[in-house]
Protein backbone atom coordinates (compact mmCIF):
# COMPACT_ATOMS: atom_id res chain seq x y z
CA MET A 1 -18.26 9.46 15.74
CA LYS A 2 -15.45 8.87 18.22
CA ASP A 3 -14.54 11.20 21.05
CA ALA A 4 -11.62 13.34 19.91
CA ILE A 5 -9.81 12.66 23.20
CA TYR A 6 -9.92 8.91 22.49
CA VAL A 7 -7.96 9.36 19.26
CA SER A 8 -4.37 9.96 20.32
CA LYS A 9 -1.50 11.35 18.30
CA GLU A 10 -0.32 7.76 17.77
CA ASN A 11 -3.64 6.92 16.08
CA TYR A 12 -3.20 9.83 13.70
CA LEU A 13 0.41 9.03 12.89
CA LYS A 14 -0.31 5.34 12.31
CA ALA A 15 -3.26 6.23 10.07
CA ILE A 16 -1.02 8.51 7.98
CA LEU A 17 1.56 5.72 7.70
CA GLU A 18 -1.12 3.26 6.53
CA ALA A 19 -2.62 5.71 4.05
CA GLU A 20 0.79 6.44 2.55
CA ALA A 21 1.40 2.70 2.17
CA GLU A 22 -1.85 2.40 0.23
CA GLY A 23 -0.65 5.12 -2.12
CA ARG A 24 -3.22 7.65 -0.97
CA GLU A 25 -2.71 11.38 -0.77
CA VAL A 26 -3.27 12.01 2.93
CA ILE A 27 -5.59 14.96 3.39
CA PRO A 28 -7.63 15.85 6.49
CA ALA A 29 -10.84 14.40 5.01
CA VAL A 30 -9.17 10.98 4.68
CA LEU A 31 -8.11 11.04 8.33
CA ALA A 32 -11.57 12.15 9.46
CA HIS A 33 -13.13 9.23 7.58
CA TRP A 34 -10.60 6.62 8.69
CA LEU A 35 -10.53 7.66 12.35
CA GLU A 36 -14.25 8.43 12.54
CA VAL A 37 -13.77 11.92 13.97
CA SER A 38 -15.07 15.31 12.93
CA ALA A 39 -13.27 17.64 10.53
CA PRO A 40 -12.66 20.27 13.27
CA ALA A 41 -11.10 17.57 15.50
CA VAL A 42 -8.71 16.60 12.69
CA THR A 43 -7.79 20.23 12.08
CA MET A 44 -6.93 20.74 15.76
CA ALA A 45 -4.96 17.50 15.94
CA LEU A 46 -2.92 18.31 12.83
CA LYS A 47 -2.06 21.75 14.21
CA ARG A 48 -0.66 20.11 17.35
CA LEU A 49 1.19 17.44 15.38
CA ARG A 50 2.78 20.04 13.12
CA ARG A 51 3.68 22.23 16.09
CA ASP A 52 5.38 19.27 17.79
CA GLY A 53 7.31 18.27 14.67
CA PHE A 54 5.48 15.05 13.79
CA VAL A 55 3.95 16.10 10.46
CA GLU A 56 4.37 18.62 7.68
CA ILE A 57 1.46 20.02 5.69
CA GLY A 58 2.27 21.17 2.19
CA ALA A 59 0.75 24.02 0.24
CA ASP A 60 -1.29 21.33 -1.55
CA GLY A 61 -2.88 20.35 1.77
CA ILE A 62 -1.23 16.92 1.80
CA VAL A 63 -0.08 15.69 5.22
CA ARG A 64 3.33 14.00 5.39
CA LEU A 65 5.18 12.42 8.27
CA THR A 66 8.47 13.89 9.44
CA ALA A 67 11.30 11.56 10.46
CA THR A 68 10.15 11.88 14.08
CA GLY A 69 6.54 11.24 13.11
CA ARG A 70 7.49 8.19 11.06
CA GLU A 71 9.51 6.73 13.92
CA THR A 72 6.58 7.21 16.33
CA ALA A 73 4.14 5.70 13.83
CA TYR A 74 6.41 2.68 13.37
CA ARG A 75 6.68 2.09 17.12
CA THR A 76 2.89 2.21 17.40
CA ALA A 77 2.50 -0.16 14.44
CA LEU A 78 4.99 -2.57 16.05
CA ARG A 79 3.14 -2.55 19.39
CA HIS A 80 -0.15 -3.12 17.55
CA HIS A 81 1.41 -6.03 15.64
CA LEU A 82 2.83 -7.62 18.79
CA ILE A 83 -0.46 -7.30 20.68
CA GLU A 84 -2.42 -8.87 17.83
CA ARG A 85 -0.01 -11.80 17.78
CA MET A 86 -0.19 -12.11 21.57
CA LEU A 87 -3.99 -12.14 21.57
CA SER A 88 -4.04 -14.75 18.81
CA GLU A 89 -1.05 -16.98 19.57
CA ILE A 90 -1.16 -16.91 23.38
CA PHE A 91 -4.83 -16.23 24.22
CA GLY A 92 -6.46 -17.84 21.20
CA MET A 93 -8.66 -14.91 20.16
CA GLU A 94 -10.10 -15.11 16.66
CA TRP A 95 -8.58 -12.97 13.90
CA HIS A 96 -11.74 -10.92 13.41
CA GLU A 97 -11.89 -9.98 17.12
CA ILE A 98 -8.40 -8.71 17.83
CA HIS A 99 -7.91 -5.54 15.77
CA GLU A 100 -10.13 -3.30 17.91
CA GLU A 101 -8.68 -4.81 21.09
CA ALA A 102 -5.15 -4.12 19.89
CA GLU A 103 -6.13 -0.55 18.99
CA ARG A 104 -7.01 0.02 22.65
CA LEU A 105 -4.10 -1.85 24.20
CA GLU A 106 -1.30 -0.52 21.98
CA HIS A 107 -1.21 2.76 23.94
CA ALA A 108 -0.81 1.02 27.30
CA VAL A 109 2.26 -1.07 26.45
CA SER A 110 5.35 -0.08 28.44
CA PRO A 111 8.86 -0.44 26.98
CA ALA A 112 9.51 -3.32 29.39
CA PHE A 113 6.38 -5.21 28.30
CA GLU A 114 7.16 -4.51 24.64
CA ALA A 115 10.60 -6.05 25.16
CA LYS A 116 9.00 -9.14 26.70
CA LEU A 117 6.61 -9.47 23.76
CA LYS A 118 9.53 -9.24 21.31
CA GLU A 119 11.39 -11.89 23.30
CA LYS A 120 8.37 -14.20 23.35
CA LEU A 121 7.04 -13.68 19.81
CA GLY A 122 9.91 -12.21 17.80
CA GLU A 123 9.62 -8.99 15.81
CA GLY A 124 9.06 -10.63 12.44
CA GLY A 125 6.23 -12.78 11.25
CA ALA A 126 2.76 -11.95 10.04
CA CYS A 127 -0.13 -10.91 12.24
CA PRO A 128 -3.33 -13.02 12.29
CA HIS A 129 -4.64 -10.97 9.35
CA GLY A 130 -1.61 -11.95 7.27
CA ASN A 131 0.13 -8.56 7.42
CA GLN A 132 3.68 -7.50 8.24
CA VAL A 133 4.62 -4.96 10.93
CA LEU A 134 4.91 -2.02 8.57
CA PRO A 135 2.00 -1.38 6.21
CA GLU A 136 2.87 -2.55 2.69
CA SER A 137 1.95 -0.95 -0.59
CA PRO A 138 0.00 -2.89 -3.22
CA ALA A 139 3.16 -2.89 -5.34
CA GLN A 140 5.16 -4.55 -2.56
CA ARG A 141 2.55 -7.27 -2.11
CA LYS A 142 2.38 -7.89 -5.84
CA GLN A 143 6.18 -8.28 -5.94
CA ARG A 144 5.75 -11.15 -3.47
CA GLY A 145 3.29 -12.83 -5.81
CA GLU A 146 0.08 -11.71 -4.11
CA THR A 147 -2.99 -10.43 -5.97
CA PRO A 148 -5.99 -8.45 -4.72
CA LEU A 149 -9.28 -10.26 -5.18
CA SER A 150 -10.44 -7.34 -7.33
CA GLU A 151 -7.78 -8.30 -9.91
CA ALA A 152 -7.87 -12.10 -9.60
CA VAL A 153 -8.33 -14.17 -12.75
CA GLU A 154 -11.67 -15.83 -13.42
CA GLY A 155 -11.71 -19.59 -13.01
CA ARG A 156 -8.51 -19.79 -10.97
CA ARG A 157 -8.15 -20.97 -7.39
CA TYR A 158 -6.47 -18.90 -4.71
CA THR A 159 -5.66 -18.92 -1.00
CA VAL A 160 -6.31 -15.81 1.09
CA THR A 161 -2.95 -14.51 2.33
CA GLY A 162 -3.95 -11.24 4.00
CA LEU A 163 -6.70 -8.78 4.78
CA GLN A 164 -6.64 -5.00 5.04
CA GLU A 165 -7.37 -4.62 8.72
CA ARG A 166 -7.87 -0.94 9.51
CA ASP A 167 -11.68 -1.19 9.18
CA HIS A 168 -13.09 -3.51 11.86
CA LYS A 169 -16.51 -3.45 10.19
CA LEU A 170 -14.93 -4.82 7.02
CA LEU A 171 -13.23 -7.58 9.01
CA LEU A 172 -16.57 -8.61 10.53
CA PHE A 173 -18.19 -8.51 7.09
CA LEU A 174 -15.53 -10.80 5.66
CA HIS A 175 -15.76 -13.14 8.64
CA HIS A 176 -19.54 -13.42 8.33
CA ASN A 177 -19.04 -14.30 4.66
CA GLY A 178 -16.56 -17.05 5.51
CA ILE A 179 -13.52 -15.21 4.14
CA GLY A 180 -10.38 -15.23 6.27
CA PRO A 181 -6.63 -15.92 6.13
CA GLY A 182 -5.91 -19.37 4.77
CA GLN A 183 -9.32 -19.69 3.11
CA SER A 184 -9.30 -21.36 -0.31
CA LEU A 185 -11.57 -19.94 -2.97
CA ARG A 186 -12.27 -19.95 -6.69
CA VAL A 187 -12.96 -16.77 -8.63
CA VAL A 188 -16.14 -17.41 -10.59
CA SER A 189 -16.34 -14.06 -12.39
CA GLN A 190 -15.23 -10.45 -12.40
CA ASN A 191 -18.53 -8.71 -13.03
CA TYR A 192 -19.45 -5.65 -15.07
CA ASP A 193 -20.60 -3.74 -11.97
CA GLN A 194 -17.12 -4.25 -10.38
CA THR A 195 -18.36 -6.94 -8.01
CA VAL A 196 -16.57 -10.29 -7.82
CA SER A 197 -18.33 -13.65 -7.64
CA ILE A 198 -16.42 -16.32 -5.72
CA GLU A 199 -16.95 -19.85 -4.49
CA LEU A 200 -15.48 -20.92 -1.17
CA ASP A 201 -13.87 -24.15 -0.10
CA GLY A 202 -14.25 -24.93 3.57
CA SER A 203 -15.50 -27.14 6.30
CA VAL A 204 -19.02 -28.50 6.51
CA GLU A 205 -19.67 -26.08 9.40
CA GLU A 206 -18.57 -23.10 7.31
CA ARG A 207 -20.80 -24.10 4.42
CA SER A 208 -23.84 -24.88 6.55
CA ALA A 209 -23.51 -21.65 8.55
CA SER A 210 -24.72 -19.65 5.56
CA PRO A 211 -28.01 -20.36 3.80
CA GLU A 212 -26.39 -19.02 0.63
CA GLY A 213 -24.00 -21.95 0.41
CA PRO A 214 -20.38 -21.52 -0.72
CA GLY A 215 -21.05 -18.78 -3.29
CA ARG A 216 -20.45 -15.10 -2.48
CA ILE A 217 -20.53 -11.78 -4.30
CA LEU A 218 -18.24 -9.04 -2.99
CA GLY A 219 -18.24 -5.35 -3.89
CA ARG A 220 -15.06 -3.61 -4.99
CA PRO A 221 -14.08 -2.10 -1.59
CA ALA A 222 -14.14 -5.54 0.03
CA ALA A 223 -12.46 -7.23 -2.96
CA GLU A 224 -9.61 -4.70 -2.88
CA ALA A 225 -9.02 -5.49 0.80
CA VAL A 226 -8.53 -9.26 0.29
CA TRP A 227 -5.09 -10.43 -0.86
CA LEU A 228 -4.57 -13.81 -2.49
CA ARG A 229 -1.91 -16.20 -3.74
CA GLN A 230 -2.73 -18.47 -6.68
CA GLU A 231 -2.84 -22.15 -5.82
CA ASN A 232 -0.88 -24.69 -7.81
CA SER A 233 -3.16 -26.51 -10.22
């Protein structure tokens, strides 16, 4: 459980933005789970955010961003995106290491430093996890020709295009299983228990690092977090 002081208003607003993009109804329990804080801490934070005009809470209990809240959430998401790219492209940090670091640093970026990062890196482009600045809905990704691993077709080959990055434990799990952006894989089977069996392509080091060889079985939460593009046969 995180200290409530550590979780700033920007963390809350960005989490609401991400949850909305995933098509979720944002209720306090979702925020408590995502931000790893207690229910009373969420209640207090939402009272302050509503008082300051960042969120609205409907009679149905659903939390929605106001225009001011959405603007603040976007600025935080942009700083996070720029820091992840900086850590990867300039300092060479691995993709599975940078999300937590960016979560800490995004609150310390001054407008002047943000401007320098934009000048150096540009505002567009994907982060090391394969994601755009603003969180995208599953429908938006599917319109671009991407498919979640949970819906991929058996027997076909795909390349990993992006990973849902809000859960650092999930990122480490995927890394330890040899699954990352740019990885080529074949879907062996979509199983009855909603797991997915895959076979990885990769370097000799990647294959030898795991005693299980190139085969993997992923549960549905992990499979829904991995986005793919079908390879040309």
